[in-house]
PDB file of N, CA and C in Angstrom:
ATOM      1  N   UNK A   1       0.847  -1.185   0.000  1.00  0.00           N
ATOM      2  CA  UNK A   1       0.000   0.000   0.000  1.00  0.00           C
ATOM      3  C   UNK A   1       0.892   1.248   0.000  1.00  0.00           C
ATOM      4  N   UNK A   2       0.498   2.241  -0.780  1.00  0.00           N
ATOM      5  CA  UNK A   2       1.270   3.469  -0.884  1.00  0.00           C
ATOM      6  C   UNK A   2       1.087   4.329   0.359  1.00  0.00           C
ATOM      7  N   UNK A   3       2.120   5.083   0.681  1.00  0.00           N
ATOM      8  CA  UNK A   3       2.064   5.996   1.802  1.00  0.00           C
ATOM      9  C   UNK A   3       1.266   7.230   1.401  1.00  0.00           C
ATOM     10  N   UNK A   4       0.170   7.499   2.091  1.00  0.00           N
ATOM     11  CA  UNK A   4      -0.711   8.604   1.704  1.00  0.00           C
ATOM     12  C   UNK A   4      -0.033   9.960   1.892  1.00  0.00           C
ATOM     13  N   UNK A   5       0.936  10.056   2.800  1.00  0.00           N
ATOM     14  CA  UNK A   5       1.592  11.347   3.019  1.00  0.00           C
ATOM     15  C   UNK A   5       2.355  11.819   1.785  1.00  0.00           C
ATOM     16  N   UNK A   6       2.698  10.917   0.877  1.00  0.00           N
ATOM     17  CA  UNK A   6       3.374  11.294  -0.355  1.00  0.00           C
ATOM     18  C   UNK A   6       2.459  12.108  -1.267  1.00  0.00           C
ATOM     19  N   UNK A   7       1.168  11.985  -1.080  1.00  0.00           N
ATOM     20  CA  UNK A   7       0.198  12.646  -1.951  1.00  0.00           C
ATOM     21  C   UNK A   7      -0.364  13.925  -1.339  1.00  0.00           C
ATOM     22  N   UNK A   8       0.052  14.252  -0.116  1.00  0.00           N
ATOM     23  CA  UNK A   8      -0.459  15.441   0.558  1.00  0.00           C
ATOM     24  C   UNK A   8       0.508  16.596   0.425  1.00  0.00           C
ATOM     25  N   UNK A   9      -0.054  17.776   0.231  1.00  0.00           N
ATOM     26  CA  UNK A   9       0.742  18.995   0.102  1.00  0.00           C
ATOM     27  C   UNK A   9       0.330  19.980   1.177  1.00  0.00           C
ATOM     28  N   UNK A  10       1.256  20.849   1.571  1.00  0.00           N
ATOM     29  CA  UNK A  10       0.903  21.921   2.494  1.00  0.00           C
ATOM     30  C   UNK A  10       0.640  23.200   1.696  1.00  0.00           C
ATOM     31  N   UNK A  11       0.268  24.244   2.381  1.00  0.00           N
ATOM     32  CA  UNK A  11      -0.102  25.506   1.711  1.00  0.00           C
ATOM     33  C   UNK A  11       1.045  26.087   0.900  1.00  0.00           C
ATOM     34  N   UNK A  12       2.243  25.999   1.417  1.00  0.00           N
ATOM     35  CA  UNK A  12       3.403  26.557   0.716  1.00  0.00           C
ATOM     36  C   UNK A  12       3.653  25.809  -0.594  1.00  0.00           C
ATOM     37  N   UNK A  13       3.536  24.488  -0.571  1.00  0.00           N
ATOM     38  CA  UNK A  13       3.753  23.694  -1.787  1.00  0.00           C
ATOM     39  C   UNK A  13       2.682  23.986  -2.832  1.00  0.00           C
ATOM     40  N   UNK A  14       1.442  24.108  -2.392  1.00  0.00           N
ATOM     41  CA  UNK A  14       0.353  24.425  -3.313  1.00  0.00           C
ATOM     42  C   UNK A  14       0.548  25.833  -3.886  1.00  0.00           C
ATOM     43  N   UNK A  15       0.981  26.753  -3.052  1.00  0.00           N
ATOM     44  CA  UNK A  15       1.221  28.128  -3.506  1.00  0.00           C
ATOM     45  C   UNK A  15       2.255  28.159  -4.627  1.00  0.00           C
ATOM     46  N   UNK A  16       3.304  27.356  -4.500  1.00  0.00           N
ATOM     47  CA  UNK A  16       4.317  27.294  -5.549  1.00  0.00           C
ATOM     48  C   UNK A  16       3.734  26.716  -6.837  1.00  0.00           C
ATOM     49  N   UNK A  17       2.902  25.685  -6.716  1.00  0.00           N
ATOM     50  CA  UNK A  17       2.310  25.072  -7.898  1.00  0.00           C
ATOM     51  C   UNK A  17       1.353  26.019  -8.618  1.00  0.00           C
ATOM     52  N   UNK A  18       0.605  26.803  -7.841  1.00  0.00           N
ATOM     53  CA  UNK A  18      -0.420  27.678  -8.418  1.00  0.00           C
ATOM     54  C   UNK A  18       0.070  29.106  -8.626  1.00  0.00           C
ATOM     55  N   UNK A  19       1.312  29.375  -8.273  1.00  0.00           N
ATOM     56  CA  UNK A  19       1.909  30.704  -8.417  1.00  0.00           C
ATOM     57  C   UNK A  19       1.088  31.758  -7.692  1.00  0.00           C
ATOM     58  N   UNK A  20       0.856  31.518  -6.401  1.00  0.00           N
ATOM     59  CA  UNK A  20       0.169  32.474  -5.544  1.00  0.00           C
ATOM     60  C   UNK A  20       0.772  32.385  -4.146  1.00  0.00           C
ATOM     61  N   UNK A  21       0.366  33.262  -3.276  1.00  0.00           N
ATOM     62  CA  UNK A  21       0.924  33.266  -1.925  1.00  0.00           C
ATOM     63  C   UNK A  21       0.258  32.176  -1.070  1.00  0.00           C
ATOM     64  N   UNK A  22       0.976  31.678  -0.060  1.00  0.00           N
ATOM     65  CA  UNK A  22       0.367  30.708   0.857  1.00  0.00           C
ATOM     66  C   UNK A  22      -0.859  31.266   1.567  1.00  0.00           C
ATOM     67  N   UNK A  23      -0.879  32.560   1.841  1.00  0.00           N
ATOM     68  CA  UNK A  23      -2.057  33.171   2.470  1.00  0.00           C
ATOM     69  C   UNK A  23      -3.277  33.072   1.566  1.00  0.00           C
ATOM     70  N   UNK A  24      -3.086  33.280   0.272  1.00  0.00           N
ATOM     71  CA  UNK A  24      -4.186  33.155  -0.684  1.00  0.00           C
ATOM     72  C   UNK A  24      -4.664  31.709  -0.760  1.00  0.00           C
ATOM     73  N   UNK A  25      -3.742  30.779  -0.758  1.00  0.00           N
ATOM     74  CA  UNK A  25      -4.106  29.351  -0.761  1.00  0.00           C
ATOM     75  C   UNK A  25      -4.956  29.029   0.466  1.00  0.00           C
ATOM     76  N   UNK A  26      -4.547  29.505   1.630  1.00  0.00           N
ATOM     77  CA  UNK A  26      -5.320  29.264   2.857  1.00  0.00           C
ATOM     78  C   UNK A  26      -6.698  29.906   2.791  1.00  0.00           C
ATOM     79  N   UNK A  27      -6.761  31.092   2.223  1.00  0.00           N
ATOM     80  CA  UNK A  27      -8.051  31.773   2.073  1.00  0.00           C
ATOM     81  C   UNK A  27      -8.972  30.976   1.141  1.00  0.00           C
ATOM     82  N   UNK A  28      -8.431  30.488   0.039  1.00  0.00           N
ATOM     83  CA  UNK A  28      -9.220  29.673  -0.887  1.00  0.00           C
ATOM     84  C   UNK A  28      -9.690  28.382  -0.218  1.00  0.00           C
ATOM     85  N   UNK A  29      -8.866  27.825   0.642  1.00  0.00           N
ATOM     86  CA  UNK A  29      -9.278  26.613   1.368  1.00  0.00           C
ATOM     87  C   UNK A  29     -10.433  26.941   2.320  1.00  0.00           C
ATOM     88  N   UNK A  30     -10.304  28.050   3.053  1.00  0.00           N
ATOM     89  CA  UNK A  30     -11.372  28.454   3.981  1.00  0.00           C
ATOM     90  C   UNK A  30     -12.680  28.705   3.244  1.00  0.00           C
ATOM     91  N   UNK A  31     -12.595  29.308   2.063  1.00  0.00           N
ATOM     92  CA  UNK A  31     -13.797  29.623   1.273  1.00  0.00           C
ATOM     93  C   UNK A  31     -14.259  28.443   0.428  1.00  0.00           C
ATOM     94  N   UNK A  32     -13.581  27.320   0.549  1.00  0.00           N
ATOM     95  CA  UNK A  32     -13.893  26.087  -0.186  1.00  0.00           C
ATOM     96  C   UNK A  32     -13.767  26.254  -1.692  1.00  0.00           C
ATOM     97  N   UNK A  33     -12.890  27.138  -2.117  1.00  0.00           N
ATOM     98  CA  UNK A  33     -12.566  27.270  -3.534  1.00  0.00           C
ATOM     99  C   UNK A  33     -11.606  26.156  -3.920  1.00  0.00           C
ATOM    100  N   UNK A  34     -10.645  25.900  -3.040  1.00  0.00           N
ATOM    101  CA  UNK A  34      -9.719  24.774  -3.198  1.00  0.00           C
ATOM    102  C   UNK A  34     -10.159  23.649  -2.270  1.00  0.00           C
ATOM    103  N   UNK A  35     -10.194  22.422  -2.755  1.00  0.00           N
ATOM    104  CA  UNK A  35     -10.526  21.297  -1.878  1.00  0.00           C
ATOM    105  C   UNK A  35      -9.381  21.042  -0.907  1.00  0.00           C
ATOM    106  N   UNK A  36      -9.688  21.041   0.386  1.00  0.00           N
ATOM    107  CA  UNK A  36      -8.655  20.879   1.411  1.00  0.00           C
ATOM    108  C   UNK A  36      -9.289  20.365   2.695  1.00  0.00           C
ATOM    109  N   UNK A  37      -8.438  19.976   3.618  1.00  0.00           N
ATOM    110  CA  UNK A  37      -8.885  19.592   4.950  1.00  0.00           C
ATOM    111  C   UNK A  37      -7.819  20.023   5.947  1.00  0.00           C
ATOM    112  N   UNK A  38      -8.232  20.144   7.178  1.00  0.00           N
ATOM    113  CA  UNK A  38      -7.311  20.594   8.208  1.00  0.00           C
ATOM    114  C   UNK A  38      -6.746  19.405   8.979  1.00  0.00           C
ATOM    115  N   UNK A  39      -5.453  19.497   9.237  1.00  0.00           N
ATOM    116  CA  UNK A  39      -4.767  18.577  10.131  1.00  0.00           C
ATOM    117  C   UNK A  39      -4.225  19.451  11.250  1.00  0.00           C
ATOM    118  N   UNK A  40      -4.874  19.421  12.388  1.00  0.00           N
ATOM    119  CA  UNK A  40      -4.521  20.363  13.450  1.00  0.00           C
ATOM    120  C   UNK A  40      -4.908  21.760  13.017  1.00  0.00           C
ATOM    121  N   UNK A  41      -3.924  22.663  12.972  1.00  0.00           N
ATOM    122  CA  UNK A  41      -4.196  24.039  12.556  1.00  0.00           C
ATOM    123  C   UNK A  41      -3.780  24.317  11.121  1.00  0.00           C
ATOM    124  N   UNK A  42      -3.268  23.307  10.431  1.00  0.00           N
ATOM    125  CA  UNK A  42      -2.744  23.529   9.086  1.00  0.00           C
ATOM    126  C   UNK A  42      -3.618  22.863   8.031  1.00  0.00           C
ATOM    127  N   UNK A  43      -3.721  23.533   6.887  1.00  0.00           N
ATOM    128  CA  UNK A  43      -4.455  22.989   5.762  1.00  0.00           C
ATOM    129  C   UNK A  43      -3.596  21.970   5.034  1.00  0.00           C
ATOM    130  N   UNK A  44      -4.218  20.914   4.544  1.00  0.00           N
ATOM    131  CA  UNK A  44      -3.563  19.904   3.725  1.00  0.00           C
ATOM    132  C   UNK A  44      -4.380  19.736   2.451  1.00  0.00           C
ATOM    133  N   UNK A  45      -3.669  19.448   1.387  1.00  0.00           N
ATOM    134  CA  UNK A  45      -4.280  19.352   0.060  1.00  0.00           C
ATOM    135  C   UNK A  45      -3.827  18.058  -0.591  1.00  0.00           C
ATOM    136  N   UNK A  46      -4.748  17.371  -1.246  1.00  0.00           N
ATOM    137  CA  UNK A  46      -4.384  16.173  -2.006  1.00  0.00           C
ATOM    138  C   UNK A  46      -3.872  16.609  -3.374  1.00  0.00           C
ATOM    139  N   UNK A  47      -2.749  16.045  -3.781  1.00  0.00           N
ATOM    140  CA  UNK A  47      -2.140  16.420  -5.057  1.00  0.00           C
ATOM    141  C   UNK A  47      -3.132  16.245  -6.210  1.00  0.00           C
ATOM    142  N   UNK A  48      -3.908  15.163  -6.197  1.00  0.00           N
ATOM    143  CA  UNK A  48      -4.846  14.926  -7.298  1.00  0.00           C
ATOM    144  C   UNK A  48      -5.942  15.993  -7.324  1.00  0.00           C
ATOM    145  N   UNK A  49      -6.347  16.505  -6.160  1.00  0.00           N
ATOM    146  CA  UNK A  49      -7.354  17.567  -6.118  1.00  0.00           C
ATOM    147  C   UNK A  49      -6.806  18.869  -6.699  1.00  0.00           C
ATOM    148  N   UNK A  50      -5.550  19.168  -6.418  1.00  0.00           N
ATOM    149  CA  UNK A  50      -4.933  20.386  -6.940  1.00  0.00           C
ATOM    150  C   UNK A  50      -4.748  20.270  -8.450  1.00  0.00           C
ATOM    151  N   UNK A  51      -4.359  19.089  -8.920  1.00  0.00           N
ATOM    152  CA  UNK A  51      -4.224  18.865 -10.359  1.00  0.00           C
ATOM    153  C   UNK A  51      -5.569  19.048 -11.053  1.00  0.00           C
ATOM    154  N   UNK A  52      -6.605  18.486 -10.467  1.00  0.00           N
ATOM    155  CA  UNK A  52      -7.950  18.631 -11.024  1.00  0.00           C
ATOM    156  C   UNK A  52      -8.395  20.089 -11.022  1.00  0.00           C
ATOM    157  N   UNK A  53      -8.106  20.812  -9.950  1.00  0.00           N
ATOM    158  CA  UNK A  53      -8.450  22.227  -9.855  1.00  0.00           C
ATOM    159  C   UNK A  53      -7.775  23.032 -10.962  1.00  0.00           C
ATOM    160  N   UNK A  54      -6.501  22.795 -11.194  1.00  0.00           N
ATOM    161  CA  UNK A  54      -5.782  23.549 -12.224  1.00  0.00           C
ATOM    162  C   UNK A  54      -6.332  23.240 -13.609  1.00  0.00           C
ATOM    163  N   UNK A  55      -6.745  22.006 -13.841  1.00  0.00           N
ATOM    164  CA  UNK A  55      -7.347  21.643 -15.133  1.00  0.00           C
ATOM    165  C   UNK A  55      -8.678  22.348 -15.325  1.00  0.00           C
ATOM    166  N   UNK A  56      -9.494  22.411 -14.280  1.00  0.00           N
ATOM    167  CA  UNK A  56     -10.796  23.071 -14.358  1.00  0.00           C
ATOM    168  C   UNK A  56     -10.629  24.566 -14.612  1.00  0.00           C
ATOM    169  N   UNK A  57      -9.710  25.191 -13.913  1.00  0.00           N
ATOM    170  CA  UNK A  57      -9.474  26.620 -14.075  1.00  0.00           C
ATOM    171  C   UNK A  57      -8.943  26.887 -15.473  1.00  0.00           C
ATOM    172  N   UNK A  58      -8.068  26.045 -15.953  1.00  0.00           N
ATOM    173  CA  UNK A  58      -7.536  26.199 -17.305  1.00  0.00           C
ATOM    174  C   UNK A  58      -8.608  26.088 -18.365  1.00  0.00           C
ATOM    175  N   UNK A  59      -9.557  25.175 -18.171  1.00  0.00           N
ATOM    176  CA  UNK A  59     -10.658  25.014 -19.116  1.00  0.00           C
ATOM    177  C   UNK A  59     -11.593  26.219 -19.115  1.00  0.00           C
ATOM    178  N   UNK A  60     -11.817  26.808 -17.939  1.00  0.00           N
ATOM    179  CA  UNK A  60     -12.728  27.959 -17.849  1.00  0.00           C
ATOM    180  C   UNK A  60     -12.101  29.211 -18.470  1.00  0.00           C
ATOM    181  N   UNK A  61     -10.798  29.395 -18.310  1.00  0.00           N
ATOM    182  CA  UNK A  61     -10.162  30.586 -18.874  1.00  0.00           C
ATOM    183  C   UNK A  61      -9.958  30.448 -20.373  1.00  0.00           C
ATOM    184  N   UNK A  62      -9.908  29.211 -20.884  1.00  0.00           N
ATOM    185  CA  UNK A  62      -9.707  29.004 -22.313  1.00  0.00           C
ATOM    186  C   UNK A  62     -11.006  29.211 -23.087  1.00  0.00           C
ATOM    187  N   UNK A  63     -12.139  29.104 -22.420  1.00  0.00           N
ATOM    188  CA  UNK A  63     -13.431  29.205 -23.101  1.00  0.00           C
ATOM    189  C   UNK A  63     -13.821  30.627 -23.415  1.00  0.00           C
TER     190      UNK A  63
END
């Protein structure tokens, strides 16, 4: 079985992928714009959810 922690990203990692600040990533998580969940006080993101999000945003801006 694969280690699930390999697929989880923190706000800073997501910010680098999406070219935005970690504060903006956290705000999007709070507003449920980005799919995320909290582990303690920190947001965690599944890599596949972020990939899907970027594809959806790319499709909307291309239309």
